[in-house]
Amino acid sequence: MHGLGGLTWGEWASLIAIITFIAGLISLLFKYAVFAPFQGDIKELNHNFKQLNNNLSDLKTDIKRLDERADEHDRRLDRHHERLKSLGGYKK
């Protein structure tokens, strides 16, 4: 019989099948034993990122609203300042 490396083609096929089966088992072991515990952590991390993004959006909205209020107060102070100057009772 002909073969390669002292083994027949049937023996090579059996050897390749065994190696493929063992590699598949190792792959499943890594998938369920090693990477599965991290899945919960990754989901929690994604949830936290979403919450942080929502909080950042809320903060941006609050800052914009506070800036508008500060601008309105500045305008009111400027009007008061002009009124006091026109009355002559205000000196720097």
N, C-alpha and C. Protein backbone atom coordinates (compact mmCIF):
# COMPACT_ATOMS: atom_id res chain seq x y z
N MET A 1 0.84 -1.18 0.00
CA MET A 1 0.00 0.00 0.00
C MET A 1 0.88 1.23 0.00
N HIS A 2 0.33 2.24 -0.63
CA HIS A 2 1.06 3.50 -0.70
C HIS A 2 0.61 4.42 0.43
N GLY A 3 1.51 5.27 0.87
CA GLY A 3 1.17 6.19 1.94
C GLY A 3 2.20 7.29 2.02
N LEU A 4 2.17 7.98 3.10
CA LEU A 4 3.09 9.10 3.31
C LEU A 4 3.64 8.99 4.72
N GLY A 5 4.94 9.05 4.85
CA GLY A 5 5.56 8.99 6.17
C GLY A 5 5.35 7.67 6.88
N GLY A 6 5.20 6.60 6.15
CA GLY A 6 5.05 5.28 6.77
C GLY A 6 3.63 4.96 7.17
N LEU A 7 2.68 5.87 6.92
CA LEU A 7 1.28 5.62 7.24
C LEU A 7 0.49 5.52 5.95
N THR A 8 -0.55 4.72 5.99
CA THR A 8 -1.41 4.61 4.80
C THR A 8 -2.34 5.81 4.76
N TRP A 9 -2.97 6.00 3.61
CA TRP A 9 -3.89 7.13 3.45
C TRP A 9 -5.06 7.04 4.42
N GLY A 10 -5.52 5.87 4.71
CA GLY A 10 -6.60 5.67 5.68
C GLY A 10 -6.18 6.06 7.09
N GLU A 11 -4.94 5.70 7.44
CA GLU A 11 -4.43 6.09 8.75
C GLU A 11 -4.28 7.61 8.85
N TRP A 12 -3.83 8.23 7.76
CA TRP A 12 -3.71 9.70 7.75
C TRP A 12 -5.09 10.34 7.92
N ALA A 13 -6.09 9.80 7.23
CA ALA A 13 -7.45 10.34 7.34
C ALA A 13 -7.97 10.20 8.77
N SER A 14 -7.71 9.05 9.39
CA SER A 14 -8.13 8.85 10.78
C SER A 14 -7.42 9.82 11.71
N LEU A 15 -6.13 10.01 11.50
CA LEU A 15 -5.35 10.92 12.33
C LEU A 15 -5.86 12.36 12.20
N ILE A 16 -6.14 12.77 10.97
CA ILE A 16 -6.67 14.13 10.74
C ILE A 16 -8.04 14.29 11.39
N ALA A 17 -8.88 13.26 11.31
CA ALA A 17 -10.21 13.32 11.93
C ALA A 17 -10.09 13.45 13.45
N ILE A 18 -9.18 12.69 14.05
CA ILE A 18 -8.99 12.76 15.51
C ILE A 18 -8.49 14.14 15.91
N ILE A 19 -7.51 14.68 15.17
CA ILE A 19 -6.97 16.01 15.48
C ILE A 19 -8.06 17.07 15.34
N THR A 20 -8.88 16.98 14.30
CA THR A 20 -9.97 17.93 14.09
C THR A 20 -10.98 17.85 15.23
N PHE A 21 -11.30 16.64 15.66
CA PHE A 21 -12.25 16.47 16.77
C PHE A 21 -11.70 17.08 18.06
N ILE A 22 -10.43 16.83 18.36
CA ILE A 22 -9.82 17.38 19.57
C ILE A 22 -9.77 18.90 19.50
N ALA A 23 -9.44 19.45 18.32
CA ALA A 23 -9.42 20.91 18.17
C ALA A 23 -10.81 21.50 18.38
N GLY A 24 -11.84 20.81 17.90
CA GLY A 24 -13.22 21.26 18.12
C GLY A 24 -13.59 21.25 19.59
N LEU A 25 -13.18 20.21 20.31
CA LEU A 25 -13.45 20.15 21.75
C LEU A 25 -12.74 21.28 22.49
N ILE A 26 -11.50 21.53 22.13
CA ILE A 26 -10.75 22.61 22.77
C ILE A 26 -11.42 23.95 22.48
N SER A 27 -11.89 24.13 21.25
CA SER A 27 -12.58 25.37 20.88
C SER A 27 -13.84 25.56 21.72
N LEU A 28 -14.63 24.51 21.87
CA LEU A 28 -15.84 24.59 22.70
C LEU A 28 -15.49 24.86 24.16
N LEU A 29 -14.43 24.23 24.64
CA LEU A 29 -13.99 24.46 26.02
C LEU A 29 -13.66 25.93 26.24
N PHE A 30 -12.92 26.51 25.30
CA PHE A 30 -12.59 27.93 25.42
C PHE A 30 -13.83 28.80 25.35
N LYS A 31 -14.74 28.44 24.45
CA LYS A 31 -15.94 29.25 24.26
C LYS A 31 -16.79 29.28 25.53
N TYR A 32 -17.00 28.13 26.14
CA TYR A 32 -17.92 28.07 27.28
C TYR A 32 -17.24 28.24 28.63
N ALA A 33 -16.01 27.78 28.77
CA ALA A 33 -15.35 27.85 30.07
C ALA A 33 -14.55 29.12 30.26
N VAL A 34 -13.97 29.63 29.18
CA VAL A 34 -13.10 30.80 29.31
C VAL A 34 -13.83 32.08 28.97
N PHE A 35 -14.52 32.11 27.84
CA PHE A 35 -15.12 33.36 27.36
C PHE A 35 -16.52 33.61 27.91
N ALA A 36 -17.24 32.59 28.31
CA ALA A 36 -18.61 32.77 28.81
C ALA A 36 -18.67 33.67 30.05
N PRO A 37 -17.77 33.53 31.02
CA PRO A 37 -17.85 34.43 32.18
C PRO A 37 -17.68 35.91 31.81
N PHE A 38 -16.98 36.18 30.74
CA PHE A 38 -16.78 37.57 30.34
C PHE A 38 -18.01 38.17 29.66
N GLN A 39 -18.91 37.33 29.17
CA GLN A 39 -20.08 37.84 28.45
C GLN A 39 -20.94 38.72 29.34
N GLY A 40 -21.16 38.30 30.57
CA GLY A 40 -21.95 39.12 31.51
C GLY A 40 -21.27 40.44 31.79
N ASP A 41 -19.95 40.40 31.96
CA ASP A 41 -19.20 41.63 32.22
C ASP A 41 -19.27 42.57 31.02
N ILE A 42 -19.19 42.01 29.83
CA ILE A 42 -19.24 42.83 28.62
C ILE A 42 -20.62 43.46 28.46
N LYS A 43 -21.67 42.70 28.75
CA LYS A 43 -23.03 43.25 28.68
C LYS A 43 -23.21 44.38 29.69
N GLU A 44 -22.70 44.17 30.91
CA GLU A 44 -22.80 45.20 31.94
C GLU A 44 -22.01 46.45 31.54
N LEU A 45 -20.84 46.24 30.95
CA LEU A 45 -20.02 47.36 30.50
C LEU A 45 -20.74 48.14 29.39
N ASN A 46 -21.36 47.45 28.45
CA ASN A 46 -22.12 48.12 27.40
C ASN A 46 -23.28 48.91 27.99
N HIS A 47 -23.96 48.34 28.97
CA HIS A 47 -25.06 49.04 29.63
C HIS A 47 -24.55 50.31 30.31
N ASN A 48 -23.40 50.20 30.98
CA ASN A 48 -22.83 51.37 31.65
C ASN A 48 -22.43 52.45 30.66
N PHE A 49 -21.89 52.05 29.51
CA PHE A 49 -21.55 53.03 28.48
C PHE A 49 -22.79 53.75 27.97
N LYS A 50 -23.88 53.01 27.79
CA LYS A 50 -25.12 53.65 27.35
C LYS A 50 -25.62 54.65 28.39
N GLN A 51 -25.55 54.27 29.66
CA GLN A 51 -25.96 55.19 30.72
C GLN A 51 -25.08 56.43 30.75
N LEU A 52 -23.78 56.24 30.59
CA LEU A 52 -22.87 57.38 30.57
C LEU A 52 -23.17 58.31 29.40
N ASN A 53 -23.47 57.74 28.25
CA ASN A 53 -23.83 58.57 27.09
C ASN A 53 -25.11 59.35 27.35
N ASN A 54 -26.09 58.70 27.96
CA ASN A 54 -27.33 59.39 28.29
C ASN A 54 -27.09 60.51 29.29
N ASN A 55 -26.26 60.22 30.31
CA ASN A 55 -25.95 61.25 31.30
C ASN A 55 -25.21 62.42 30.67
N LEU A 56 -24.29 62.13 29.76
CA LEU A 56 -23.56 63.19 29.07
C LEU A 56 -24.50 64.05 28.25
N SER A 57 -25.45 63.42 27.58
CA SER A 57 -26.43 64.17 26.80
C SER A 57 -27.27 65.07 27.70
N ASP A 58 -27.69 64.53 28.84
CA ASP A 58 -28.46 65.34 29.80
C ASP A 58 -27.63 66.51 30.32
N LEU A 59 -26.36 66.25 30.62
CA LEU A 59 -25.49 67.33 31.11
C LEU A 59 -25.31 68.42 30.06
N LYS A 60 -25.16 68.02 28.80
CA LYS A 60 -25.02 69.02 27.74
C LYS A 60 -26.27 69.89 27.64
N THR A 61 -27.43 69.26 27.76
CA THR A 61 -28.68 70.00 27.72
C THR A 61 -28.78 70.96 28.90
N ASP A 62 -28.41 70.48 30.09
CA ASP A 62 -28.45 71.34 31.28
C ASP A 62 -27.48 72.52 31.14
N ILE A 63 -26.30 72.27 30.63
CA ILE A 63 -25.31 73.35 30.46
C ILE A 63 -25.82 74.38 29.47
N LYS A 64 -26.44 73.92 28.39
CA LYS A 64 -26.98 74.85 27.40
C LYS A 64 -28.06 75.72 28.03
N ARG A 65 -28.94 75.09 28.81
CA ARG A 65 -30.01 75.84 29.47
C ARG A 65 -29.44 76.84 30.48
N LEU A 66 -28.42 76.44 31.23
CA LEU A 66 -27.80 77.35 32.19
C LEU A 66 -27.09 78.51 31.48
N ASP A 67 -26.46 78.23 30.35
CA ASP A 67 -25.83 79.31 29.57
C ASP A 67 -26.87 80.32 29.10
N GLU A 68 -28.02 79.83 28.65
CA GLU A 68 -29.08 80.74 28.21
C GLU A 68 -29.56 81.60 29.38
N ARG A 69 -29.71 80.98 30.55
CA ARG A 69 -30.13 81.75 31.72
C ARG A 69 -29.09 82.79 32.12
N ALA A 70 -27.82 82.41 32.06
CA ALA A 70 -26.75 83.35 32.40
C ALA A 70 -26.72 84.52 31.41
N ASP A 71 -26.94 84.22 30.13
CA ASP A 71 -26.99 85.29 29.13
C ASP A 71 -28.15 86.25 29.41
N GLU A 72 -29.30 85.70 29.78
CA GLU A 72 -30.45 86.54 30.11
C GLU A 72 -30.15 87.41 31.33
N HIS A 73 -29.50 86.85 32.33
CA HIS A 73 -29.13 87.64 33.51
C HIS A 73 -28.14 88.74 33.14
N ASP A 74 -27.20 88.43 32.26
CA ASP A 74 -26.25 89.46 31.80
C ASP A 74 -26.99 90.61 31.11
N ARG A 75 -27.94 90.26 30.26
CA ARG A 75 -28.71 91.31 29.57
C ARG A 75 -29.49 92.16 30.58
N ARG A 76 -30.09 91.50 31.57
CA ARG A 76 -30.84 92.25 32.58
C ARG A 76 -29.92 93.16 33.39
N LEU A 77 -28.74 92.67 33.75
CA LEU A 77 -27.78 93.51 34.47
C LEU A 77 -27.33 94.69 33.63
N ASP A 78 -27.12 94.45 32.34
CA ASP A 78 -26.73 95.56 31.45
C ASP A 78 -27.83 96.61 31.39
N ARG A 79 -29.09 96.17 31.31
CA ARG A 79 -30.21 97.13 31.27
C ARG A 79 -30.28 97.92 32.58
N HIS A 80 -30.11 97.23 33.71
CA HIS A 80 -30.12 97.93 35.00
C HIS A 80 -28.97 98.94 35.08
N HIS A 81 -27.82 98.54 34.59
CA HIS A 81 -26.66 99.42 34.60
C HIS A 81 -26.94 100.68 33.76
N GLU A 82 -27.53 100.48 32.59
CA GLU A 82 -27.84 101.63 31.72
C GLU A 82 -28.88 102.54 32.38
N ARG A 83 -29.88 101.95 33.04
CA ARG A 83 -30.88 102.77 33.72
C ARG A 83 -30.26 103.59 34.84
N LEU A 84 -29.38 102.95 35.62
CA LEU A 84 -28.72 103.67 36.70
C LEU A 84 -27.84 104.78 36.15
N LYS A 85 -27.16 104.54 35.05
CA LYS A 85 -26.33 105.59 34.45
C LYS A 85 -27.18 106.75 33.96
N SER A 86 -28.34 106.42 33.38
CA SER A 86 -29.20 107.49 32.87
C SER A 86 -29.82 108.31 34.01
N LEU A 87 -29.99 107.70 35.17
CA LEU A 87 -30.51 108.43 36.32
C LEU A 87 -29.43 109.27 36.99
N GLY A 88 -28.18 108.99 36.68
CA GLY A 88 -27.09 109.76 37.24
C GLY A 88 -26.71 109.33 38.63
N GLY A 89 -27.24 108.27 39.11
CA GLY A 89 -26.94 107.84 40.47
C GLY A 89 -25.87 106.76 40.53
N TYR A 90 -25.31 106.43 39.41
CA TYR A 90 -24.32 105.35 39.40
C TYR A 90 -22.97 105.91 38.99
N LYS A 91 -21.96 105.64 39.80
CA LYS A 91 -20.60 106.08 39.48
C LYS A 91 -19.68 104.89 39.63
N LYS A 92 -18.75 104.79 38.71
CA LYS A 92 -17.75 103.71 38.78
C LYS A 92 -16.63 104.08 39.68
